[in-house]
Amino acid sequence: MGTLELKNVIAQYMSKADDKVLRIVKAVFETYGQESVDYMVSDEHKKILDERLASHKMNPSAGRSWKEVEGDITANYGV
């Protein structure tokens, strides 16, 4: 069964599912999402992130505030 067929079958199940089943499925997707992130981030990127986090912990005032970042996002992307 291909991806499209699986999605259609699951959609049919979901349309008939009760609250308990929906909560279980939600938990499965959330758990899978957390695990899949680890696979998507390379060891090199994890190292860079760890270094930047350690640097920030040593000197938290050296970074930019959320307000500055948010302003840039709003200005550049209209979000």
PDB file of N, CA and C in Angstrom:
ATOM      1  N   MET A   1       0.851  -1.167   0.000  1.00  0.00           N
ATOM      2  CA  MET A   1       0.000   0.000   0.000  1.00  0.00           C
ATOM      3  C   MET A   1       0.899   1.233   0.000  1.00  0.00           C
ATOM      4  N   GLY A   2       0.639   2.153  -0.895  1.00  0.00           N
ATOM      5  CA  GLY A   2       1.448   3.360  -1.009  1.00  0.00           C
ATOM      6  C   GLY A   2       1.054   4.423   0.003  1.00  0.00           C
ATOM      7  N   THR A   3       1.835   5.486   0.034  1.00  0.00           N
ATOM      8  CA  THR A   3       1.620   6.557   0.995  1.00  0.00           C
ATOM      9  C   THR A   3       0.241   7.185   0.855  1.00  0.00           C
ATOM     10  N   LEU A   4      -0.159   7.478  -0.363  1.00  0.00           N
ATOM     11  CA  LEU A   4      -1.463   8.110  -0.580  1.00  0.00           C
ATOM     12  C   LEU A   4      -2.600   7.210  -0.102  1.00  0.00           C
ATOM     13  N   GLU A   5      -2.493   5.926  -0.404  1.00  0.00           N
ATOM     14  CA  GLU A   5      -3.523   4.984   0.043  1.00  0.00           C
ATOM     15  C   GLU A   5      -3.567   4.914   1.575  1.00  0.00           C
ATOM     16  N   LEU A   6      -2.394   4.862   2.197  1.00  0.00           N
ATOM     17  CA  LEU A   6      -2.336   4.824   3.656  1.00  0.00           C
ATOM     18  C   LEU A   6      -2.968   6.070   4.268  1.00  0.00           C
ATOM     19  N   LYS A   7      -2.664   7.226   3.689  1.00  0.00           N
ATOM     20  CA  LYS A   7      -3.243   8.469   4.204  1.00  0.00           C
ATOM     21  C   LYS A   7      -4.759   8.456   4.091  1.00  0.00           C
ATOM     22  N   ASN A   8      -5.263   7.947   2.983  1.00  0.00           N
ATOM     23  CA  ASN A   8      -6.716   7.877   2.796  1.00  0.00           C
ATOM     24  C   ASN A   8      -7.376   6.925   3.790  1.00  0.00           C
ATOM     25  N   VAL A   9      -6.762   5.771   4.009  1.00  0.00           N
ATOM     26  CA  VAL A   9      -7.297   4.803   4.968  1.00  0.00           C
ATOM     27  C   VAL A   9      -7.290   5.399   6.378  1.00  0.00           C
ATOM     28  N   ILE A  10      -6.166   6.035   6.733  1.00  0.00           N
ATOM     29  CA  ILE A  10      -6.073   6.645   8.063  1.00  0.00           C
ATOM     30  C   ILE A  10      -7.095   7.761   8.211  1.00  0.00           C
ATOM     31  N   ALA A  11      -7.293   8.555   7.177  1.00  0.00           N
ATOM     32  CA  ALA A  11      -8.287   9.633   7.223  1.00  0.00           C
ATOM     33  C   ALA A  11      -9.685   9.061   7.458  1.00  0.00           C
ATOM     34  N   GLN A  12      -9.981   7.938   6.851  1.00  0.00           N
ATOM     35  CA  GLN A  12     -11.291   7.298   7.062  1.00  0.00           C
ATOM     36  C   GLN A  12     -11.425   6.849   8.522  1.00  0.00           C
ATOM     37  N   TYR A  13     -10.366   6.241   9.048  1.00  0.00           N
ATOM     38  CA  TYR A  13     -10.395   5.828  10.455  1.00  0.00           C
ATOM     39  C   TYR A  13     -10.568   7.041  11.375  1.00  0.00           C
ATOM     40  N   MET A  14      -9.848   8.095  11.091  1.00  0.00           N
ATOM     41  CA  MET A  14      -9.886   9.282  11.937  1.00  0.00           C
ATOM     42  C   MET A  14     -11.269   9.938  11.938  1.00  0.00           C
ATOM     43  N   SER A  15     -11.949   9.878  10.803  1.00  0.00           N
ATOM     44  CA  SER A  15     -13.275  10.496  10.736  1.00  0.00           C
ATOM     45  C   SER A  15     -14.286   9.766  11.623  1.00  0.00           C
ATOM     46  N   LYS A  16     -13.987   8.503  11.972  1.00  0.00           N
ATOM     47  CA  LYS A  16     -14.899   7.709  12.803  1.00  0.00           C
ATOM     48  C   LYS A  16     -14.373   7.507  14.229  1.00  0.00           C
ATOM     49  N   ALA A  17     -13.177   8.005  14.500  1.00  0.00           N
ATOM     50  CA  ALA A  17     -12.528   7.735  15.789  1.00  0.00           C
ATOM     51  C   ALA A  17     -13.160   8.538  16.918  1.00  0.00           C
ATOM     52  N   ASP A  18     -13.157   7.929  18.097  1.00  0.00           N
ATOM     53  CA  ASP A  18     -13.637   8.641  19.281  1.00  0.00           C
ATOM     54  C   ASP A  18     -12.477   9.413  19.907  1.00  0.00           C
ATOM     55  N   ASP A  19     -12.769  10.140  20.979  1.00  0.00           N
ATOM     56  CA  ASP A  19     -11.788  10.994  21.628  1.00  0.00           C
ATOM     57  C   ASP A  19     -10.567  10.213  22.103  1.00  0.00           C
ATOM     58  N   LYS A  20     -10.778   9.027  22.654  1.00  0.00           N
ATOM     59  CA  LYS A  20      -9.676   8.220  23.170  1.00  0.00           C
ATOM     60  C   LYS A  20      -8.694   7.856  22.057  1.00  0.00           C
ATOM     61  N   VAL A  21      -9.209   7.402  20.933  1.00  0.00           N
ATOM     62  CA  VAL A  21      -8.348   7.020  19.808  1.00  0.00           C
ATOM     63  C   VAL A  21      -7.611   8.238  19.276  1.00  0.00           C
ATOM     64  N   LEU A  22      -8.296   9.363  19.173  1.00  0.00           N
ATOM     65  CA  LEU A  22      -7.659  10.580  18.669  1.00  0.00           C
ATOM     66  C   LEU A  22      -6.504  11.014  19.571  1.00  0.00           C
ATOM     67  N   ARG A  23      -6.681  10.889  20.874  1.00  0.00           N
ATOM     68  CA  ARG A  23      -5.610  11.248  21.806  1.00  0.00           C
ATOM     69  C   ARG A  23      -4.410  10.308  21.671  1.00  0.00           C
ATOM     70  N   ILE A  24      -4.692   9.033  21.451  1.00  0.00           N
ATOM     71  CA  ILE A  24      -3.614   8.057  21.261  1.00  0.00           C
ATOM     72  C   ILE A  24      -2.839   8.376  19.990  1.00  0.00           C
ATOM     73  N   VAL A  25      -3.554   8.631  18.915  1.00  0.00           N
ATOM     74  CA  VAL A  25      -2.911   8.939  17.631  1.00  0.00           C
ATOM     75  C   VAL A  25      -2.095  10.227  17.751  1.00  0.00           C
ATOM     76  N   LYS A  26      -2.650  11.218  18.424  1.00  0.00           N
ATOM     77  CA  LYS A  26      -1.934  12.477  18.642  1.00  0.00           C
ATOM     78  C   LYS A  26      -0.627  12.226  19.375  1.00  0.00           C
ATOM     79  N   ALA A  27      -0.677  11.410  20.432  1.00  0.00           N
ATOM     80  CA  ALA A  27       0.523  11.095  21.203  1.00  0.00           C
ATOM     81  C   ALA A  27       1.561  10.372  20.345  1.00  0.00           C
ATOM     82  N   VAL A  28       1.107   9.477  19.487  1.00  0.00           N
ATOM     83  CA  VAL A  28       2.021   8.752  18.598  1.00  0.00           C
ATOM     84  C   VAL A  28       2.728   9.735  17.673  1.00  0.00           C
ATOM     85  N   PHE A  29       1.964  10.643  17.066  1.00  0.00           N
ATOM     86  CA  PHE A  29       2.569  11.608  16.151  1.00  0.00           C
ATOM     87  C   PHE A  29       3.533  12.545  16.876  1.00  0.00           C
ATOM     88  N   GLU A  30       3.183  12.975  18.076  1.00  0.00           N
ATOM     89  CA  GLU A  30       4.068  13.857  18.830  1.00  0.00           C
ATOM     90  C   GLU A  30       5.357  13.148  19.206  1.00  0.00           C
ATOM     91  N   THR A  31       5.255  11.905  19.607  1.00  0.00           N
ATOM     92  CA  THR A  31       6.437  11.135  19.964  1.00  0.00           C
ATOM     93  C   THR A  31       7.302  10.892  18.740  1.00  0.00           C
ATOM     94  N   TYR A  32       6.680  10.539  17.637  1.00  0.00           N
ATOM     95  CA  TYR A  32       7.428  10.308  16.398  1.00  0.00           C
ATOM     96  C   TYR A  32       8.120  11.592  15.965  1.00  0.00           C
ATOM     97  N   GLY A  33       7.423  12.714  16.078  1.00  0.00           N
ATOM     98  CA  GLY A  33       8.001  13.992  15.686  1.00  0.00           C
ATOM     99  C   GLY A  33       9.242  14.330  16.472  1.00  0.00           C
ATOM    100  N   GLN A  34       9.232  14.043  17.771  1.00  0.00           N
ATOM    101  CA  GLN A  34      10.393  14.331  18.608  1.00  0.00           C
ATOM    102  C   GLN A  34      11.560  13.431  18.237  1.00  0.00           C
ATOM    103  N   GLU A  35      11.288  12.178  17.970  1.00  0.00           N
ATOM    104  CA  GLU A  35      12.359  11.254  17.607  1.00  0.00           C
ATOM    105  C   GLU A  35      12.918  11.570  16.231  1.00  0.00           C
ATOM    106  N   SER A  36      12.036  11.963  15.307  1.00  0.00           N
ATOM    107  CA  SER A  36      12.503  12.201  13.941  1.00  0.00           C
ATOM    108  C   SER A  36      13.396  13.424  13.848  1.00  0.00           C
ATOM    109  N   VAL A  37      13.234  14.391  14.750  1.00  0.00           N
ATOM    110  CA  VAL A  37      14.089  15.573  14.740  1.00  0.00           C
ATOM    111  C   VAL A  37      15.534  15.164  14.967  1.00  0.00           C
ATOM    112  N   ASP A  38      15.772  14.215  15.857  1.00  0.00           N
ATOM    113  CA  ASP A  38      17.126  13.752  16.115  1.00  0.00           C
ATOM    114  C   ASP A  38      17.779  13.184  14.858  1.00  0.00           C
ATOM    115  N   TYR A  39      16.995  12.551  14.021  1.00  0.00           N
ATOM    116  CA  TYR A  39      17.537  11.966  12.811  1.00  0.00           C
ATOM    117  C   TYR A  39      17.799  13.024  11.745  1.00  0.00           C
ATOM    118  N   MET A  40      17.096  14.145  11.819  1.00  0.00           N
ATOM    119  CA  MET A  40      17.235  15.164  10.798  1.00  0.00           C
ATOM    120  C   MET A  40      18.411  16.095  11.082  1.00  0.00           C
ATOM    121  N   VAL A  41      18.876  16.163  12.302  1.00  0.00           N
ATOM    122  CA  VAL A  41      19.979  17.045  12.659  1.00  0.00           C
ATOM    123  C   VAL A  41      21.269  16.227  12.651  1.00  0.00           C
ATOM    124  N   SER A  42      22.198  16.662  11.817  1.00  0.00           N
ATOM    125  CA  SER A  42      23.459  15.929  11.706  1.00  0.00           C
ATOM    126  C   SER A  42      24.295  16.106  12.974  1.00  0.00           C
ATOM    127  N   ASP A  43      25.263  15.233  13.157  1.00  0.00           N
ATOM    128  CA  ASP A  43      26.162  15.335  14.304  1.00  0.00           C
ATOM    129  C   ASP A  43      26.915  16.663  14.278  1.00  0.00           C
ATOM    130  N   GLU A  44      27.273  17.103  13.077  1.00  0.00           N
ATOM    131  CA  GLU A  44      27.982  18.382  12.945  1.00  0.00           C
ATOM    132  C   GLU A  44      27.109  19.545  13.426  1.00  0.00           C
ATOM    133  N   HIS A  45      25.830  19.534  13.025  1.00  0.00           N
ATOM    134  CA  HIS A  45      24.931  20.596  13.455  1.00  0.00           C
ATOM    135  C   HIS A  45      24.648  20.521  14.958  1.00  0.00           C
ATOM    136  N   LYS A  46      24.536  19.305  15.495  1.00  0.00           N
ATOM    137  CA  LYS A  46      24.344  19.163  16.936  1.00  0.00           C
ATOM    138  C   LYS A  46      25.529  19.765  17.687  1.00  0.00           C
ATOM    139  N   LYS A  47      26.746  19.537  17.174  1.00  0.00           N
ATOM    140  CA  LYS A  47      27.942  20.082  17.801  1.00  0.00           C
ATOM    141  C   LYS A  47      27.909  21.606  17.786  1.00  0.00           C
ATOM    142  N   ILE A  48      27.537  22.182  16.647  1.00  0.00           N
ATOM    143  CA  ILE A  48      27.445  23.641  16.531  1.00  0.00           C
ATOM    144  C   ILE A  48      26.414  24.185  17.505  1.00  0.00           C
ATOM    145  N   LEU A  49      25.254  23.540  17.571  1.00  0.00           N
ATOM    146  CA  LEU A  49      24.206  23.988  18.495  1.00  0.00           C
ATOM    147  C   LEU A  49      24.661  23.887  19.944  1.00  0.00           C
ATOM    148  N   ASP A  50      25.330  22.802  20.286  1.00  0.00           N
ATOM    149  CA  ASP A  50      25.841  22.641  21.648  1.00  0.00           C
ATOM    150  C   ASP A  50      26.858  23.728  21.994  1.00  0.00           C
ATOM    151  N   GLU A  51      27.743  24.048  21.036  1.00  0.00           N
ATOM    152  CA  GLU A  51      28.736  25.096  21.262  1.00  0.00           C
ATOM    153  C   GLU A  51      28.066  26.457  21.460  1.00  0.00           C
ATOM    154  N   ARG A  52      27.068  26.742  20.641  1.00  0.00           N
ATOM    155  CA  ARG A  52      26.378  28.031  20.757  1.00  0.00           C
ATOM    156  C   ARG A  52      25.587  28.124  22.060  1.00  0.00           C
ATOM    157  N   LEU A  53      24.997  27.019  22.475  1.00  0.00           N
ATOM    158  CA  LEU A  53      24.268  27.009  23.733  1.00  0.00           C
ATOM    159  C   LEU A  53      25.228  27.237  24.905  1.00  0.00           C
ATOM    160  N   ALA A  54      26.375  26.580  24.875  1.00  0.00           N
ATOM    161  CA  ALA A  54      27.373  26.755  25.934  1.00  0.00           C
ATOM    162  C   ALA A  54      27.867  28.199  25.957  1.00  0.00           C
ATOM    163  N   SER A  55      28.099  28.779  24.789  1.00  0.00           N
ATOM    164  CA  SER A  55      28.536  30.164  24.697  1.00  0.00           C
ATOM    165  C   SER A  55      27.486  31.106  25.266  1.00  0.00           C
ATOM    166  N   HIS A  56      26.237  30.843  24.949  1.00  0.00           N
ATOM    167  CA  HIS A  56      25.151  31.679  25.463  1.00  0.00           C
ATOM    168  C   HIS A  56      25.051  31.574  26.987  1.00  0.00           C
ATOM    169  N   LYS A  57      25.231  30.375  27.498  1.00  0.00           N
ATOM    170  CA  LYS A  57      25.160  30.195  28.952  1.00  0.00           C
ATOM    171  C   LYS A  57      26.291  30.943  29.656  1.00  0.00           C
ATOM    172  N   MET A  58      27.453  31.042  29.000  1.00  0.00           N
ATOM    173  CA  MET A  58      28.593  31.750  29.579  1.00  0.00           C
ATOM    174  C   MET A  58      28.377  33.262  29.552  1.00  0.00           C
ATOM    175  N   ASN A  59      27.700  33.760  28.496  1.00  0.00           N
ATOM    176  CA  ASN A  59      27.520  35.201  28.335  1.00  0.00           C
ATOM    177  C   ASN A  59      26.158  35.475  27.693  1.00  0.00           C
ATOM    178  N   PRO A  60      25.086  35.341  28.461  1.00  0.00           N
ATOM    179  CA  PRO A  60      23.740  35.470  27.893  1.00  0.00           C
ATOM    180  C   PRO A  60      23.438  36.845  27.304  1.00  0.00           C
ATOM    181  N   SER A  61      24.107  37.875  27.751  1.00  0.00           N
ATOM    182  CA  SER A  61      23.814  39.214  27.240  1.00  0.00           C
ATOM    183  C   SER A  61      24.449  39.475  25.877  1.00  0.00           C
ATOM    184  N   ALA A  62      25.295  38.561  25.399  1.00  0.00           N
ATOM    185  CA  ALA A  62      25.963  38.752  24.112  1.00  0.00           C
ATOM    186  C   ALA A  62      25.027  38.516  22.926  1.00  0.00           C
ATOM    187  N   GLY A  63      23.949  37.790  23.140  1.00  0.00           N
ATOM    188  CA  GLY A  63      23.021  37.492  22.053  1.00  0.00           C
ATOM    189  C   GLY A  63      21.999  38.600  21.856  1.00  0.00           C
ATOM    190  N   ARG A  64      21.089  38.367  20.943  1.00  0.00           N
ATOM    191  CA  ARG A  64      20.027  39.322  20.674  1.00  0.00           C
ATOM    192  C   ARG A  64      18.792  38.935  21.468  1.00  0.00           C
ATOM    193  N   SER A  65      18.016  39.927  21.841  1.00  0.00           N
ATOM    194  CA  SER A  65      16.786  39.653  22.576  1.00  0.00           C
ATOM    195  C   SER A  65      15.725  39.125  21.622  1.00  0.00           C
ATOM    196  N   TRP A  66      14.718  38.462  22.200  1.00  0.00           N
ATOM    197  CA  TRP A  66      13.618  37.965  21.387  1.00  0.00           C
ATOM    198  C   TRP A  66      12.916  39.118  20.678  1.00  0.00           C
ATOM    199  N   LYS A  67      12.787  40.258  21.339  1.00  0.00           N
ATOM    200  CA  LYS A  67      12.125  41.422  20.734  1.00  0.00           C
ATOM    201  C   LYS A  67      12.861  41.870  19.473  1.00  0.00           C
ATOM    202  N   GLU A  68      14.200  41.844  19.495  1.00  0.00           N
ATOM    203  CA  GLU A  68      14.974  42.208  18.303  1.00  0.00           C
ATOM    204  C   GLU A  68      14.747  41.204  17.171  1.00  0.00           C
ATOM    205  N   VAL A  69      14.798  39.939  17.517  1.00  0.00           N
ATOM    206  CA  VAL A  69      14.588  38.889  16.513  1.00  0.00           C
ATOM    207  C   VAL A  69      13.171  38.979  15.953  1.00  0.00           C
ATOM    208  N   GLU A  70      12.207  39.138  16.845  1.00  0.00           N
ATOM    209  CA  GLU A  70      10.809  39.239  16.432  1.00  0.00           C
ATOM    210  C   GLU A  70      10.608  40.433  15.498  1.00  0.00           C
ATOM    211  N   GLY A  71      11.244  41.555  15.814  1.00  0.00           N
ATOM    212  CA  GLY A  71      11.152  42.736  14.959  1.00  0.00           C
ATOM    213  C   GLY A  71      11.703  42.477  13.570  1.00  0.00           C
ATOM    214  N   ASP A  72      12.841  41.786  13.496  1.00  0.00           N
ATOM    215  CA  ASP A  72      13.426  41.445  12.196  1.00  0.00           C
ATOM    216  C   ASP A  72      12.515  40.515  11.400  1.00  0.00           C
ATOM    217  N   ILE A  73      11.941  39.536  12.068  1.00  0.00           N
ATOM    218  CA  ILE A  73      11.043  38.594  11.390  1.00  0.00           C
ATOM    219  C   ILE A  73       9.844  39.336  10.842  1.00  0.00           C
ATOM    220  N   THR A  74       9.280  40.217  11.663  1.00  0.00           N
ATOM    221  CA  THR A  74       8.114  40.992  11.229  1.00  0.00           C
ATOM    222  C   THR A  74       8.467  41.893  10.056  1.00  0.00           C
ATOM    223  N   ALA A  75       9.610  42.556  10.142  1.00  0.00           N
ATOM    224  CA  ALA A  75      10.041  43.468   9.078  1.00  0.00           C
ATOM    225  C   ALA A  75      10.353  42.727   7.784  1.00  0.00           C
ATOM    226  N   ASN A  76      11.000  41.591   7.901  1.00  0.00           N
ATOM    227  CA  ASN A  76      11.436  40.865   6.693  1.00  0.00           C
ATOM    228  C   ASN A  76      10.383  39.959   6.083  1.00  0.00           C
ATOM    229  N   TYR A  77       9.510  39.420   6.928  1.00  0.00           N
ATOM    230  CA  TYR A  77       8.562  38.429   6.433  1.00  0.00           C
ATOM    231  C   TYR A  77       7.116  38.777   6.666  1.00  0.00           C
ATOM    232  N   GLY A  78       6.864  39.871   7.349  1.00  0.00           N
ATOM    233  CA  GLY A  78       5.490  40.297   7.600  1.00  0.00           C
ATOM    234  C   GLY A  78       4.714  39.363   8.514  1.00  0.00           C
ATOM    235  N   VAL A  79       5.435  38.611   9.319  1.00  0.00           N
ATOM    236  CA  VAL A  79       4.779  37.657  10.217  1.00  0.00           C
ATOM    237  C   VAL A  79       4.592  38.279  11.583  1.00  0.00           C
TER     238      VAL A  79
END
